[in-house]
Amino acid sequence: MLQKASKDIGLQQHACTIDSNAKKGYIVVIIRAHVRSDIGRKFTDDRLHNMRSHDDIAMSEKLIEKIKKKFGNKYAVKTFFGNITMIETSQLFASAIAVIGATGAGFSNLIFARPSTVVLIVISKEILEYITSQNKNVLSSHIHTGVALKLGMTPRMIIAENLIDEKYYPFEIIINELEKRLS
């Protein structure tokens, strides 16, 4: 399902059906689908870019399965690849009750979300260690966490051993946080 969607990513726009009157809201899973962006390279050095260049589609599929298994039909899950119009993006994030994903530019769309939105930002231990080795304050250098805080949200940064290996991916922590914060 997501594998095919990721192949369609490019300059094309894909329709995203959003029911802005959804009473329960959506759990939005941000997916970095190994899309190369020269714009993004302006903000990261080569080493950090290489650390983040993995394809997290497979882990996202497993995460979505686990969310659906845990919550059933209580919440609809929407994927965000960043390939929809700005209007569709604003509607999606405005309708979100939770936003989950690996750290990245997709979280800048939190500006459209409500203060009550649950925000779970997954970051690999390797990236976190790199940020701290550059003598950067983790929170000030992690702009998406700061944006969420300034918007009145209470983001959670979940540190994973790595984001590629299924045995280290923090599925259980994400599900537990969702369960705790959505109840």
C-alpha atoms as a PDB file:
ATOM      1  CA  MET A   1       0.000   0.000   0.000  1.00  0.00           C
ATOM      2  CA  LEU A   2       2.538   2.628   1.107  1.00  0.00           C
ATOM      3  CA  GLN A   3       5.200   1.104  -1.140  1.00  0.00           C
ATOM      4  CA  LYS A   4       3.118   1.967  -4.222  1.00  0.00           C
ATOM      5  CA  ALA A   5       2.257   5.421  -2.895  1.00  0.00           C
ATOM      6  CA  SER A   6       5.921   6.195  -2.372  1.00  0.00           C
ATOM      7  CA  LYS A   7       6.722   5.365  -5.998  1.00  0.00           C
ATOM      8  CA  ASP A   8       4.175   7.934  -7.104  1.00  0.00           C
ATOM      9  CA  ILE A   9       5.901  10.706  -5.177  1.00  0.00           C
ATOM     10  CA  GLY A  10       7.471  13.339  -7.334  1.00  0.00           C
ATOM     11  CA  LEU A  11       6.175  16.593  -8.602  1.00  0.00           C
ATOM     12  CA  GLN A  12       2.660  15.210  -8.915  1.00  0.00           C
ATOM     13  CA  GLN A  13       0.005  16.240  -6.447  1.00  0.00           C
ATOM     14  CA  HIS A  14      -2.082  13.482  -4.915  1.00  0.00           C
ATOM     15  CA  ALA A  15      -5.589  14.028  -3.671  1.00  0.00           C
ATOM     16  CA  CYS A  16      -6.006  13.675   0.057  1.00  0.00           C
ATOM     17  CA  THR A  17      -9.579  13.303   1.209  1.00  0.00           C
ATOM     18  CA  ILE A  18     -10.035  15.108   4.503  1.00  0.00           C
ATOM     19  CA  ASP A  19     -13.254  15.327   6.415  1.00  0.00           C
ATOM     20  CA  SER A  20     -12.608  18.579   8.258  1.00  0.00           C
ATOM     21  CA  ASN A  21     -15.704  17.883  10.346  1.00  0.00           C
ATOM     22  CA  ALA A  22     -14.275  14.602  11.618  1.00  0.00           C
ATOM     23  CA  LYS A  23     -15.315  14.463  15.259  1.00  0.00           C
ATOM     24  CA  LYS A  24     -12.574  12.105  16.403  1.00  0.00           C
ATOM     25  CA  GLY A  25      -9.778  13.455  14.229  1.00  0.00           C
ATOM     26  CA  TYR A  26      -6.966  11.628  12.509  1.00  0.00           C
ATOM     27  CA  ILE A  27      -3.731  10.061  13.585  1.00  0.00           C
ATOM     28  CA  VAL A  28      -1.295  11.446  11.006  1.00  0.00           C
ATOM     29  CA  VAL A  29       1.844   9.425  10.302  1.00  0.00           C
ATOM     30  CA  ILE A  30       4.549  11.494   8.594  1.00  0.00           C
ATOM     31  CA  ILE A  31       6.600   9.339   6.256  1.00  0.00           C
ATOM     32  CA  ARG A  32       9.998  10.234   4.891  1.00  0.00           C
ATOM     33  CA  ALA A  33       9.907   8.201   1.716  1.00  0.00           C
ATOM     34  CA  HIS A  34      13.536   8.695   0.703  1.00  0.00           C
ATOM     35  CA  VAL A  35      12.584  11.705  -1.362  1.00  0.00           C
ATOM     36  CA  ARG A  36      15.664  13.679  -2.297  1.00  0.00           C
ATOM     37  CA  SER A  37      15.310  17.398  -1.856  1.00  0.00           C
ATOM     38  CA  ASP A  38      17.969  19.911  -2.735  1.00  0.00           C
ATOM     39  CA  ILE A  39      16.112  22.460  -0.626  1.00  0.00           C
ATOM     40  CA  GLY A  40      16.517  20.274   2.477  1.00  0.00           C
ATOM     41  CA  ARG A  41      20.265  19.993   1.859  1.00  0.00           C
ATOM     42  CA  LYS A  42      20.601  23.710   2.586  1.00  0.00           C
ATOM     43  CA  PHE A  43      19.659  23.015   6.198  1.00  0.00           C
ATOM     44  CA  THR A  44      21.681  19.880   6.915  1.00  0.00           C
ATOM     45  CA  ASP A  45      25.316  19.020   6.436  1.00  0.00           C
ATOM     46  CA  ASP A  46      26.344  15.915   4.455  1.00  0.00           C
ATOM     47  CA  ARG A  47      26.829  13.668   7.493  1.00  0.00           C
ATOM     48  CA  LEU A  48      23.421  14.469   8.963  1.00  0.00           C
ATOM     49  CA  HIS A  49      21.797  14.168   5.542  1.00  0.00           C
ATOM     50  CA  ASN A  50      23.277  10.678   5.110  1.00  0.00           C
ATOM     51  CA  MET A  51      22.084   9.608   8.569  1.00  0.00           C
ATOM     52  CA  ARG A  52      18.541  10.644   7.680  1.00  0.00           C
ATOM     53  CA  SER A  53      18.443   9.305   4.136  1.00  0.00           C
ATOM     54  CA  HIS A  54      17.030   5.887   5.037  1.00  0.00           C
ATOM     55  CA  ASP A  55      13.664   4.851   3.685  1.00  0.00           C
ATOM     56  CA  ASP A  56      11.210   4.471   6.554  1.00  0.00           C
ATOM     57  CA  ILE A  57       8.222   3.238   4.541  1.00  0.00           C
ATOM     58  CA  ALA A  58       8.451  -0.352   5.820  1.00  0.00           C
ATOM     59  CA  MET A  59       8.604   0.738   9.472  1.00  0.00           C
ATOM     60  CA  SER A  60       5.726   3.159   8.886  1.00  0.00           C
ATOM     61  CA  GLU A  61       3.591   0.368   7.430  1.00  0.00           C
ATOM     62  CA  LYS A  62       4.243  -1.741  10.529  1.00  0.00           C
ATOM     63  CA  LEU A  63       3.518   1.211  12.804  1.00  0.00           C
ATOM     64  CA  ILE A  64       0.208   1.882  11.045  1.00  0.00           C
ATOM     65  CA  GLU A  65      -0.735  -1.809  11.376  1.00  0.00           C
ATOM     66  CA  LYS A  66       0.002  -1.688  15.105  1.00  0.00           C
ATOM     67  CA  ILE A  67      -1.981   1.548  15.571  1.00  0.00           C
ATOM     68  CA  LYS A  68      -4.968   0.065  13.744  1.00  0.00           C
ATOM     69  CA  LYS A  69      -4.708  -3.159  15.756  1.00  0.00           C
ATOM     70  CA  LYS A  70      -4.616  -1.235  19.047  1.00  0.00           C
ATOM     71  CA  PHE A  71      -7.295   1.366  18.309  1.00  0.00           C
ATOM     72  CA  GLY A  72      -9.437  -0.455  15.741  1.00  0.00           C
ATOM     73  CA  ASN A  73     -11.838   1.931  14.078  1.00  0.00           C
ATOM     74  CA  LYS A  74     -11.703   4.461  16.902  1.00  0.00           C
ATOM     75  CA  TYR A  75      -9.327   6.714  14.929  1.00  0.00           C
ATOM     76  CA  ALA A  76      -8.622   6.934  11.220  1.00  0.00           C
ATOM     77  CA  VAL A  77      -4.949   6.895  10.240  1.00  0.00           C
ATOM     78  CA  LYS A  78      -3.755   9.200   7.460  1.00  0.00           C
ATOM     79  CA  THR A  79      -0.293   9.118   5.925  1.00  0.00           C
ATOM     80  CA  PHE A  80       1.557  12.291   5.013  1.00  0.00           C
ATOM     81  CA  PHE A  81       4.292  12.120   2.379  1.00  0.00           C
ATOM     82  CA  GLY A  82       4.414  15.883   1.818  1.00  0.00           C
ATOM     83  CA  ASN A  83       3.084  15.590  -1.720  1.00  0.00           C
ATOM     84  CA  ILE A  84      -0.318  17.241  -1.343  1.00  0.00           C
ATOM     85  CA  THR A  85      -1.333  20.863  -1.776  1.00  0.00           C
ATOM     86  CA  MET A  86      -0.869  23.390   1.003  1.00  0.00           C
ATOM     87  CA  ILE A  87      -4.650  23.604   1.453  1.00  0.00           C
ATOM     88  CA  GLU A  88      -4.919  19.813   1.821  1.00  0.00           C
ATOM     89  CA  THR A  89      -1.928  19.843   4.179  1.00  0.00           C
ATOM     90  CA  SER A  90      -3.470  22.541   6.373  1.00  0.00           C
ATOM     91  CA  GLN A  91      -6.781  20.646   6.502  1.00  0.00           C
ATOM     92  CA  LEU A  92      -5.060  17.375   7.362  1.00  0.00           C
ATOM     93  CA  PHE A  93      -3.019  18.815  10.224  1.00  0.00           C
ATOM     94  CA  ALA A  94      -5.958  20.910  11.495  1.00  0.00           C
ATOM     95  CA  SER A  95      -7.945  17.665  11.739  1.00  0.00           C
ATOM     96  CA  ALA A  96      -5.156  15.717  13.451  1.00  0.00           C
ATOM     97  CA  ILE A  97      -5.490  14.484  16.997  1.00  0.00           C
ATOM     98  CA  ALA A  98      -1.972  13.032  16.804  1.00  0.00           C
ATOM     99  CA  VAL A  99       1.063  13.497  14.575  1.00  0.00           C
ATOM    100  CA  ILE A 100       3.802  10.846  14.569  1.00  0.00           C
ATOM    101  CA  GLY A 101       6.970  10.392  12.556  1.00  0.00           C
ATOM    102  CA  ALA A 102      10.722  10.500  12.263  1.00  0.00           C
ATOM    103  CA  THR A 103      12.121  13.956  12.850  1.00  0.00           C
ATOM    104  CA  GLY A 104      12.032  16.079   9.743  1.00  0.00           C
ATOM    105  CA  ALA A 105      10.446  18.948   7.863  1.00  0.00           C
ATOM    106  CA  GLY A 106       6.979  17.347   7.876  1.00  0.00           C
ATOM    107  CA  PHE A 107       6.624  18.531  11.461  1.00  0.00           C
ATOM    108  CA  SER A 108       6.708  22.159  10.330  1.00  0.00           C
ATOM    109  CA  ASN A 109       3.047  21.604   9.433  1.00  0.00           C
ATOM    110  CA  LEU A 110       2.238  21.584  13.147  1.00  0.00           C
ATOM    111  CA  ILE A 111       1.486  25.281  12.653  1.00  0.00           C
ATOM    112  CA  PHE A 112      -1.889  24.112  11.304  1.00  0.00           C
ATOM    113  CA  ALA A 113      -2.619  21.760  14.225  1.00  0.00           C
ATOM    114  CA  ARG A 114      -4.553  22.419  17.415  1.00  0.00           C
ATOM    115  CA  PRO A 115      -2.717  22.850  20.742  1.00  0.00           C
ATOM    116  CA  SER A 116      -4.299  19.596  21.977  1.00  0.00           C
ATOM    117  CA  THR A 117      -2.628  17.574  19.198  1.00  0.00           C
ATOM    118  CA  VAL A 118      -0.453  14.710  20.445  1.00  0.00           C
ATOM    119  CA  VAL A 119       3.026  15.069  18.915  1.00  0.00           C
ATOM    120  CA  LEU A 120       5.447  12.115  18.887  1.00  0.00           C
ATOM    121  CA  ILE A 121       8.779  12.832  17.214  1.00  0.00           C
ATOM    122  CA  VAL A 122      11.020   9.811  16.698  1.00  0.00           C
ATOM    123  CA  ILE A 123      14.753  10.440  16.456  1.00  0.00           C
ATOM    124  CA  SER A 124      17.585   7.948  16.146  1.00  0.00           C
ATOM    125  CA  LYS A 125      20.254   7.762  18.821  1.00  0.00           C
ATOM    126  CA  GLU A 126      22.862   8.378  16.102  1.00  0.00           C
ATOM    127  CA  ILE A 127      21.300  11.687  15.038  1.00  0.00           C
ATOM    128  CA  LEU A 128      20.849  12.781  18.640  1.00  0.00           C
ATOM    129  CA  GLU A 129      24.500  11.992  19.409  1.00  0.00           C
ATOM    130  CA  TYR A 130      25.579  13.885  16.307  1.00  0.00           C
ATOM    131  CA  ILE A 131      23.595  16.960  17.323  1.00  0.00           C
ATOM    132  CA  THR A 132      25.116  16.948  20.808  1.00  0.00           C
ATOM    133  CA  SER A 133      28.638  16.331  19.422  1.00  0.00           C
ATOM    134  CA  GLN A 134      28.262  19.547  17.431  1.00  0.00           C
ATOM    135  CA  ASN A 135      27.876  21.405  20.757  1.00  0.00           C
ATOM    136  CA  LYS A 136      24.273  22.169  19.963  1.00  0.00           C
ATOM    137  CA  ASN A 137      21.542  22.329  22.537  1.00  0.00           C
ATOM    138  CA  VAL A 138      19.249  19.433  21.652  1.00  0.00           C
ATOM    139  CA  LEU A 139      16.022  21.334  22.187  1.00  0.00           C
ATOM    140  CA  SER A 140      17.102  24.565  20.543  1.00  0.00           C
ATOM    141  CA  SER A 141      18.587  22.722  17.582  1.00  0.00           C
ATOM    142  CA  HIS A 142      15.511  20.559  17.266  1.00  0.00           C
ATOM    143  CA  ILE A 143      13.231  23.219  15.856  1.00  0.00           C
ATOM    144  CA  HIS A 144      10.135  21.022  15.523  1.00  0.00           C
ATOM    145  CA  THR A 145      10.053  20.342  19.245  1.00  0.00           C
ATOM    146  CA  GLY A 146      10.385  24.081  19.874  1.00  0.00           C
ATOM    147  CA  VAL A 147       7.582  24.911  17.425  1.00  0.00           C
ATOM    148  CA  ALA A 148       5.275  22.389  19.089  1.00  0.00           C
ATOM    149  CA  LEU A 149       6.076  23.837  22.525  1.00  0.00           C
ATOM    150  CA  LYS A 150       5.435  27.400  21.334  1.00  0.00           C
ATOM    151  CA  LEU A 151       2.094  26.308  19.864  1.00  0.00           C
ATOM    152  CA  GLY A 152       1.010  24.987  23.268  1.00  0.00           C
ATOM    153  CA  MET A 153       1.512  21.321  22.444  1.00  0.00           C
ATOM    154  CA  THR A 154       3.357  18.843  24.628  1.00  0.00           C
ATOM    155  CA  PRO A 155       5.629  16.996  22.208  1.00  0.00           C
ATOM    156  CA  ARG A 156       7.423  13.784  23.085  1.00  0.00           C
ATOM    157  CA  MET A 157      10.795  13.044  21.554  1.00  0.00           C
ATOM    158  CA  ILE A 158      11.231   9.279  21.351  1.00  0.00           C
ATOM    159  CA  ILE A 159      14.825   8.152  21.001  1.00  0.00           C
ATOM    160  CA  ALA A 160      15.320   4.933  19.042  1.00  0.00           C
ATOM    161  CA  GLU A 161      18.469   2.829  18.822  1.00  0.00           C
ATOM    162  CA  ASN A 162      17.982   3.053  15.065  1.00  0.00           C
ATOM    163  CA  LEU A 163      15.075   3.571  12.698  1.00  0.00           C
ATOM    164  CA  ILE A 164      15.937   0.857  10.210  1.00  0.00           C
ATOM    165  CA  ASP A 165      15.961  -2.347  12.254  1.00  0.00           C
ATOM    166  CA  GLU A 166      12.507  -3.530  13.307  1.00  0.00           C
ATOM    167  CA  LYS A 167      13.761  -4.944  16.613  1.00  0.00           C
ATOM    168  CA  TYR A 168      14.935  -1.456  17.694  1.00  0.00           C
ATOM    169  CA  TYR A 169      12.068   0.600  16.294  1.00  0.00           C
ATOM    170  CA  PRO A 170      10.018   2.012  19.230  1.00  0.00           C
ATOM    171  CA  PHE A 171       6.610   0.622  18.196  1.00  0.00           C
ATOM    172  CA  GLU A 172       5.576  -0.217  21.752  1.00  0.00           C
ATOM    173  CA  ILE A 173       6.597   3.180  23.144  1.00  0.00           C
ATOM    174  CA  ILE A 174       4.647   4.989  20.401  1.00  0.00           C
ATOM    175  CA  ILE A 175       1.519   2.891  20.953  1.00  0.00           C
ATOM    176  CA  ASN A 176       1.742   3.329  24.751  1.00  0.00           C
ATOM    177  CA  GLU A 177       2.174   7.111  24.412  1.00  0.00           C
ATOM    178  CA  LEU A 178      -0.789   7.302  22.035  1.00  0.00           C
ATOM    179  CA  GLU A 179      -2.938   5.238  24.372  1.00  0.00           C
ATOM    180  CA  LYS A 180      -1.956   7.310  27.413  1.00  0.00           C
ATOM    181  CA  ARG A 181      -2.342  10.698  25.740  1.00  0.00           C
ATOM    182  CA  LEU A 182      -5.505  10.037  23.717  1.00  0.00           C
ATOM    183  CA  SER A 183      -7.496   8.678  26.655  1.00  0.00           C
END
